[in-house]
Amino acid sequence: MRIAAEALHILAGLAAALAVTWVSAWAYPLGEKTIWTIGGVAMVLTVLMGINPLRRAIRVTRKRRRAHG
């Protein structure tokens, strides 16, 4: 369950970054290239920030499975 929660947090962050980037690029076409570049960076950072919590969740899940059988 922890793993799914962390994965969903990452996906939600990616969806939010994509939505904000898309709306921003639509609203300001002159800056579209820059907006998509920064949006892409935000999406990469979202994934990078989610890696450690996801790894922790995997570790906790494995420990619990070993302890219970």
PDB file of N, CA and C in Angstrom:
ATOM      1  N   MET A   1       0.818  -1.200   0.000  1.00  0.00           N
ATOM      2  CA  MET A   1       0.000   0.000   0.000  1.00  0.00           C
ATOM      3  C   MET A   1       0.866   1.271   0.000  1.00  0.00           C
ATOM      4  N   ARG A   2       1.955   1.219   0.753  1.00  0.00           N
ATOM      5  CA  ARG A   2       2.843   2.387   0.802  1.00  0.00           C
ATOM      6  C   ARG A   2       3.450   2.682  -0.561  1.00  0.00           C
ATOM      7  N   ILE A   3       3.809   1.610  -1.260  1.00  0.00           N
ATOM      8  CA  ILE A   3       4.424   1.783  -2.574  1.00  0.00           C
ATOM      9  C   ILE A   3       3.435   2.439  -3.529  1.00  0.00           C
ATOM     10  N   ALA A   4       2.203   1.969  -3.504  1.00  0.00           N
ATOM     11  CA  ALA A   4       1.171   2.544  -4.371  1.00  0.00           C
ATOM     12  C   ALA A   4       0.928   4.013  -4.026  1.00  0.00           C
ATOM     13  N   ALA A   5       0.932   4.332  -2.744  1.00  0.00           N
ATOM     14  CA  ALA A   5       0.713   5.721  -2.331  1.00  0.00           C
ATOM     15  C   ALA A   5       1.829   6.627  -2.837  1.00  0.00           C
ATOM     16  N   GLU A   6       3.058   6.170  -2.701  1.00  0.00           N
ATOM     17  CA  GLU A   6       4.184   6.980  -3.181  1.00  0.00           C
ATOM     18  C   GLU A   6       4.164   7.128  -4.700  1.00  0.00           C
ATOM     19  N   ALA A   7       3.841   6.039  -5.394  1.00  0.00           N
ATOM     20  CA  ALA A   7       3.755   6.107  -6.855  1.00  0.00           C
ATOM     21  C   ALA A   7       2.639   7.062  -7.283  1.00  0.00           C
ATOM     22  N   LEU A   8       1.519   7.019  -6.574  1.00  0.00           N
ATOM     23  CA  LEU A   8       0.421   7.937  -6.895  1.00  0.00           C
ATOM     24  C   LEU A   8       0.801   9.390  -6.634  1.00  0.00           C
ATOM     25  N   HIS A   9       1.597   9.626  -5.584  1.00  0.00           N
ATOM     26  CA  HIS A   9       2.065  10.995  -5.326  1.00  0.00           C
ATOM     27  C   HIS A   9       2.932  11.496  -6.481  1.00  0.00           C
ATOM     28  N   ILE A  10       3.791  10.629  -6.979  1.00  0.00           N
ATOM     29  CA  ILE A  10       4.639  11.019  -8.113  1.00  0.00           C
ATOM     30  C   ILE A  10       3.772  11.297  -9.338  1.00  0.00           C
ATOM     31  N   LEU A  11       2.835  10.404  -9.614  1.00  0.00           N
ATOM     32  CA  LEU A  11       1.955  10.593 -10.777  1.00  0.00           C
ATOM     33  C   LEU A  11       1.112  11.855 -10.651  1.00  0.00           C
ATOM     34  N   ALA A  12       0.630  12.129  -9.446  1.00  0.00           N
ATOM     35  CA  ALA A  12      -0.163  13.345  -9.233  1.00  0.00           C
ATOM     36  C   ALA A  12       0.689  14.591  -9.463  1.00  0.00           C
ATOM     37  N   GLY A  13       1.925  14.547  -8.999  1.00  0.00           N
ATOM     38  CA  GLY A  13       2.833  15.675  -9.218  1.00  0.00           C
ATOM     39  C   GLY A  13       3.127  15.884 -10.690  1.00  0.00           C
ATOM     40  N   LEU A  14       3.313  14.784 -11.411  1.00  0.00           N
ATOM     41  CA  LEU A  14       3.549  14.885 -12.856  1.00  0.00           C
ATOM     42  C   LEU A  14       2.325  15.437 -13.575  1.00  0.00           C
ATOM     43  N   ALA A  15       1.152  14.970 -13.179  1.00  0.00           N
ATOM     44  CA  ALA A  15      -0.088  15.463 -13.800  1.00  0.00           C
ATOM     45  C   ALA A  15      -0.266  16.953 -13.542  1.00  0.00           C
ATOM     46  N   ALA A  16       0.017  17.370 -12.321  1.00  0.00           N
ATOM     47  CA  ALA A  16      -0.118  18.792 -11.980  1.00  0.00           C
ATOM     48  C   ALA A  16       0.883  19.638 -12.770  1.00  0.00           C
ATOM     49  N   ALA A  17       2.132  19.175 -12.836  1.00  0.00           N
ATOM     50  CA  ALA A  17       3.150  19.923 -13.585  1.00  0.00           C
ATOM     51  C   ALA A  17       2.783  19.990 -15.063  1.00  0.00           C
ATOM     52  N   LEU A  18       2.290  18.892 -15.602  1.00  0.00           N
ATOM     53  CA  LEU A  18       1.890  18.876 -17.007  1.00  0.00           C
ATOM     54  C   LEU A  18       0.725  19.831 -17.254  1.00  0.00           C
ATOM     55  N   ALA A  19      -0.254  19.816 -16.365  1.00  0.00           N
ATOM     56  CA  ALA A  19      -1.420  20.691 -16.528  1.00  0.00           C
ATOM     57  C   ALA A  19      -1.018  22.165 -16.460  1.00  0.00           C
ATOM     58  N   VAL A  20      -0.209  22.515 -15.477  1.00  0.00           N
ATOM     59  CA  VAL A  20       0.224  23.913 -15.333  1.00  0.00           C
ATOM     60  C   VAL A  20       1.067  24.326 -16.537  1.00  0.00           C
ATOM     61  N   THR A  21       1.939  23.452 -16.990  1.00  0.00           N
ATOM     62  CA  THR A  21       2.781  23.754 -18.146  1.00  0.00           C
ATOM     63  C   THR A  21       1.934  23.946 -19.396  1.00  0.00           C
ATOM     64  N   TRP A  22       0.996  23.042 -19.608  1.00  0.00           N
ATOM     65  CA  TRP A  22       0.144  23.122 -20.802  1.00  0.00           C
ATOM     66  C   TRP A  22      -0.683  24.415 -20.803  1.00  0.00           C
ATOM     67  N   VAL A  23      -1.297  24.724 -19.677  1.00  0.00           N
ATOM     68  CA  VAL A  23      -2.118  25.942 -19.598  1.00  0.00           C
ATOM     69  C   VAL A  23      -1.242  27.181 -19.771  1.00  0.00           C
ATOM     70  N   SER A  24      -0.073  27.169 -19.169  1.00  0.00           N
ATOM     71  CA  SER A  24       0.826  28.321 -19.292  1.00  0.00           C
ATOM     72  C   SER A  24       1.279  28.516 -20.732  1.00  0.00           C
ATOM     73  N   ALA A  25       1.639  27.430 -21.404  1.00  0.00           N
ATOM     74  CA  ALA A  25       2.073  27.520 -22.804  1.00  0.00           C
ATOM     75  C   ALA A  25       0.927  27.967 -23.698  1.00  0.00           C
ATOM     76  N   TRP A  26      -0.270  27.506 -23.394  1.00  0.00           N
ATOM     77  CA  TRP A  26      -1.441  27.923 -24.164  1.00  0.00           C
ATOM     78  C   TRP A  26      -1.726  29.415 -23.954  1.00  0.00           C
ATOM     79  N   ALA A  27      -1.584  29.864 -22.719  1.00  0.00           N
ATOM     80  CA  ALA A  27      -1.912  31.252 -22.383  1.00  0.00           C
ATOM     81  C   ALA A  27      -0.863  32.238 -22.892  1.00  0.00           C
ATOM     82  N   TYR A  28       0.359  31.794 -23.032  1.00  0.00           N
ATOM     83  CA  TYR A  28       1.434  32.689 -23.470  1.00  0.00           C
ATOM     84  C   TYR A  28       2.242  32.032 -24.579  1.00  0.00           C
ATOM     85  N   PRO A  29       1.691  32.030 -25.796  1.00  0.00           N
ATOM     86  CA  PRO A  29       2.337  31.327 -26.914  1.00  0.00           C
ATOM     87  C   PRO A  29       3.753  31.820 -27.245  1.00  0.00           C
ATOM     88  N   LEU A  30       4.039  33.093 -26.971  1.00  0.00           N
ATOM     89  CA  LEU A  30       5.375  33.607 -27.282  1.00  0.00           C
ATOM     90  C   LEU A  30       6.456  32.940 -26.432  1.00  0.00           C
ATOM     91  N   GLY A  31       6.082  32.480 -25.251  1.00  0.00           N
ATOM     92  CA  GLY A  31       7.055  31.845 -24.371  1.00  0.00           C
ATOM     93  C   GLY A  31       6.917  30.335 -24.325  1.00  0.00           C
ATOM     94  N   GLU A  32       6.225  29.776 -25.310  1.00  0.00           N
ATOM     95  CA  GLU A  32       5.894  28.351 -25.294  1.00  0.00           C
ATOM     96  C   GLU A  32       7.132  27.458 -25.130  1.00  0.00           C
ATOM     97  N   LYS A  33       8.176  27.726 -25.883  1.00  0.00           N
ATOM     98  CA  LYS A  33       9.373  26.880 -25.827  1.00  0.00           C
ATOM     99  C   LYS A  33       9.998  26.910 -24.431  1.00  0.00           C
ATOM    100  N   THR A  34      10.134  28.097 -23.892  1.00  0.00           N
ATOM    101  CA  THR A  34      10.717  28.245 -22.554  1.00  0.00           C
ATOM    102  C   THR A  34       9.830  27.608 -21.498  1.00  0.00           C
ATOM    103  N   ILE A  35       8.533  27.810 -21.624  1.00  0.00           N
ATOM    104  CA  ILE A  35       7.590  27.240 -20.657  1.00  0.00           C
ATOM    105  C   ILE A  35       7.673  25.721 -20.661  1.00  0.00           C
ATOM    106  N   TRP A  36       7.710  25.105 -21.855  1.00  0.00           N
ATOM    107  CA  TRP A  36       7.799  23.640 -21.921  1.00  0.00           C
ATOM    108  C   TRP A  36       9.140  23.141 -21.389  1.00  0.00           C
ATOM    109  N   THR A  37      10.201  23.908 -21.601  1.00  0.00           N
ATOM    110  CA  THR A  37      11.513  23.525 -21.060  1.00  0.00           C
ATOM    111  C   THR A  37      11.481  23.516 -19.535  1.00  0.00           C
ATOM    112  N   ILE A  38      10.973  24.591 -18.957  1.00  0.00           N
ATOM    113  CA  ILE A  38      10.892  24.687 -17.501  1.00  0.00           C
ATOM    114  C   ILE A  38       9.913  23.650 -16.953  1.00  0.00           C
ATOM    115  N   GLY A  39       8.815  23.423 -17.653  1.00  0.00           N
ATOM    116  CA  GLY A  39       7.864  22.389 -17.248  1.00  0.00           C
ATOM    117  C   GLY A  39       8.503  21.015 -17.249  1.00  0.00           C
ATOM    118  N   GLY A  40       9.312  20.740 -18.256  1.00  0.00           N
ATOM    119  CA  GLY A  40      10.021  19.465 -18.317  1.00  0.00           C
ATOM    120  C   GLY A  40      10.991  19.305 -17.154  1.00  0.00           C
ATOM    121  N   VAL A  41      11.684  20.375 -16.822  1.00  0.00           N
ATOM    122  CA  VAL A  41      12.590  20.350 -15.673  1.00  0.00           C
ATOM    123  C   VAL A  41      11.795  20.085 -14.391  1.00  0.00           C
ATOM    124  N   ALA A  42      10.653  20.736 -14.259  1.00  0.00           N
ATOM    125  CA  ALA A  42       9.810  20.525 -13.079  1.00  0.00           C
ATOM    126  C   ALA A  42       9.351  19.070 -12.985  1.00  0.00           C
ATOM    127  N   MET A  43       9.030  18.469 -14.123  1.00  0.00           N
ATOM    128  CA  MET A  43       8.587  17.073 -14.123  1.00  0.00           C
ATOM    129  C   MET A  43       9.728  16.136 -13.740  1.00  0.00           C
ATOM    130  N   VAL A  44      10.921  16.401 -14.246  1.00  0.00           N
ATOM    131  CA  VAL A  44      12.082  15.581 -13.875  1.00  0.00           C
ATOM    132  C   VAL A  44      12.354  15.712 -12.376  1.00  0.00           C
ATOM    133  N   LEU A  45      12.298  16.933 -11.864  1.00  0.00           N
ATOM    134  CA  LEU A  45      12.534  17.148 -10.434  1.00  0.00           C
ATOM    135  C   LEU A  45      11.450  16.483  -9.582  1.00  0.00           C
ATOM    136  N   THR A  46      10.230  16.469 -10.068  1.00  0.00           N
ATOM    137  CA  THR A  46       9.154  15.787  -9.355  1.00  0.00           C
ATOM    138  C   THR A  46       9.468  14.308  -9.197  1.00  0.00           C
ATOM    139  N   VAL A  47       9.937  13.695 -10.268  1.00  0.00           N
ATOM    140  CA  VAL A  47      10.303  12.272 -10.201  1.00  0.00           C
ATOM    141  C   VAL A  47      11.499  12.085  -9.270  1.00  0.00           C
ATOM    142  N   LEU A  48      12.507  12.923  -9.397  1.00  0.00           N
ATOM    143  CA  LEU A  48      13.693  12.787  -8.546  1.00  0.00           C
ATOM    144  C   LEU A  48      13.352  12.946  -7.062  1.00  0.00           C
ATOM    145  N   MET A  49      12.460  13.876  -6.749  1.00  0.00           N
ATOM    146  CA  MET A  49      12.066  14.065  -5.352  1.00  0.00           C
ATOM    147  C   MET A  49      11.245  12.893  -4.827  1.00  0.00           C
ATOM    148  N   GLY A  50      10.607  12.160  -5.710  1.00  0.00           N
ATOM    149  CA  GLY A  50       9.792  11.036  -5.282  1.00  0.00           C
ATOM    150  C   GLY A  50      10.546   9.725  -5.166  1.00  0.00           C
ATOM    151  N   ILE A  51      11.783   9.687  -5.649  1.00  0.00           N
ATOM    152  CA  ILE A  51      12.535   8.430  -5.647  1.00  0.00           C
ATOM    153  C   ILE A  51      12.849   7.947  -4.232  1.00  0.00           C
ATOM    154  N   ASN A  52      13.374   8.816  -3.373  1.00  0.00           N
ATOM    155  CA  ASN A  52      13.730   8.370  -2.019  1.00  0.00           C
ATOM    156  C   ASN A  52      12.520   7.903  -1.216  1.00  0.00           C
ATOM    157  N   PRO A  53      11.408   8.645  -1.203  1.00  0.00           N
ATOM    158  CA  PRO A  53      10.236   8.116  -0.497  1.00  0.00           C
ATOM    159  C   PRO A  53       9.755   6.783  -1.069  1.00  0.00           C
ATOM    160  N   LEU A  54       9.836   6.622  -2.378  1.00  0.00           N
ATOM    161  CA  LEU A  54       9.435   5.363  -3.006  1.00  0.00           C
ATOM    162  C   LEU A  54      10.380   4.235  -2.588  1.00  0.00           C
ATOM    163  N   ARG A  55      11.660   4.498  -2.567  1.00  0.00           N
ATOM    164  CA  ARG A  55      12.629   3.491  -2.134  1.00  0.00           C
ATOM    165  C   ARG A  55      12.405   3.104  -0.675  1.00  0.00           C
ATOM    166  N   ARG A  56      12.106   4.106   0.173  1.00  0.00           N
ATOM    167  CA  ARG A  56      11.806   3.812   1.576  1.00  0.00           C
ATOM    168  C   ARG A  56      10.575   2.937   1.707  1.00  0.00           C
ATOM    169  N   ALA A  57       9.557   3.238   0.928  1.00  0.00           N
ATOM    170  CA  ALA A  57       8.325   2.443   0.965  1.00  0.00           C
ATOM    171  C   ALA A  57       8.597   1.005   0.530  1.00  0.00           C
ATOM    172  N   ILE A  58       9.422   0.832  -0.476  1.00  0.00           N
ATOM    173  CA  ILE A  58       9.776  -0.518  -0.932  1.00  0.00           C
ATOM    174  C   ILE A  58      10.532  -1.257   0.166  1.00  0.00           C
ATOM    175  N   ARG A  59      11.459  -0.567   0.802  1.00  0.00           N
ATOM    176  CA  ARG A  59      12.246  -1.185   1.874  1.00  0.00           C
ATOM    177  C   ARG A  59      11.356  -1.605   3.041  1.00  0.00           C
ATOM    178  N   VAL A  60      10.453  -0.731   3.466  1.00  0.00           N
ATOM    179  CA  VAL A  60       9.545  -1.041   4.579  1.00  0.00           C
ATOM    180  C   VAL A  60       8.652  -2.227   4.215  1.00  0.00           C
ATOM    181  N   THR A  61       8.142  -2.237   3.003  1.00  0.00           N
ATOM    182  CA  THR A  61       7.274  -3.330   2.556  1.00  0.00           C
ATOM    183  C   THR A  61       8.023  -4.652   2.557  1.00  0.00           C
ATOM    184  N   ARG A  62       9.252  -4.645   2.084  1.00  0.00           N
ATOM    185  CA  ARG A  62      10.053  -5.877   2.076  1.00  0.00           C
ATOM    186  C   ARG A  62      10.332  -6.370   3.487  1.00  0.00           C
ATOM    187  N   LYS A  63      10.664  -5.444   4.395  1.00  0.00           N
ATOM    188  CA  LYS A  63      10.923  -5.826   5.786  1.00  0.00           C
ATOM    189  C   LYS A  63       9.683  -6.453   6.418  1.00  0.00           C
ATOM    190  N   ARG A  64       8.532  -5.851   6.171  1.00  0.00           N
ATOM    191  CA  ARG A  64       7.300  -6.388   6.748  1.00  0.00           C
ATOM    192  C   ARG A  64       6.963  -7.756   6.179  1.00  0.00           C
ATOM    193  N   ARG A  65       7.199  -7.957   4.898  1.00  0.00           N
ATOM    194  CA  ARG A  65       6.924  -9.269   4.281  1.00  0.00           C
ATOM    195  C   ARG A  65       7.841 -10.334   4.857  1.00  0.00           C
ATOM    196  N   ARG A  66       9.104  -9.981   5.069  1.00  0.00           N
ATOM    197  CA  ARG A  66      10.052 -10.945   5.653  1.00  0.00           C
ATOM    198  C   ARG A  66       9.674 -11.275   7.088  1.00  0.00           C
ATOM    199  N   ALA A  67       9.220 -10.274   7.829  1.00  0.00           N
ATOM    200  CA  ALA A  67       8.873 -10.483   9.239  1.00  0.00           C
ATOM    201  C   ALA A  67       7.603 -11.317   9.397  1.00  0.00           C
ATOM    202  N   HIS A  68       6.725 -11.240   8.424  1.00  0.00           N
ATOM    203  CA  HIS A  68       5.435 -11.951   8.526  1.00  0.00           C
ATOM    204  C   HIS A  68       5.399 -13.265   7.755  1.00  0.00           C
ATOM    205  N   GLY A  69       6.477 -13.640   7.205  1.00  0.00           N
ATOM    206  CA  GLY A  69       6.412 -14.947   6.578  1.00  0.00           C
ATOM    207  C   GLY A  69       7.178 -15.075   5.368  1.00  0.00           C
TER     208      GLY A  69
END
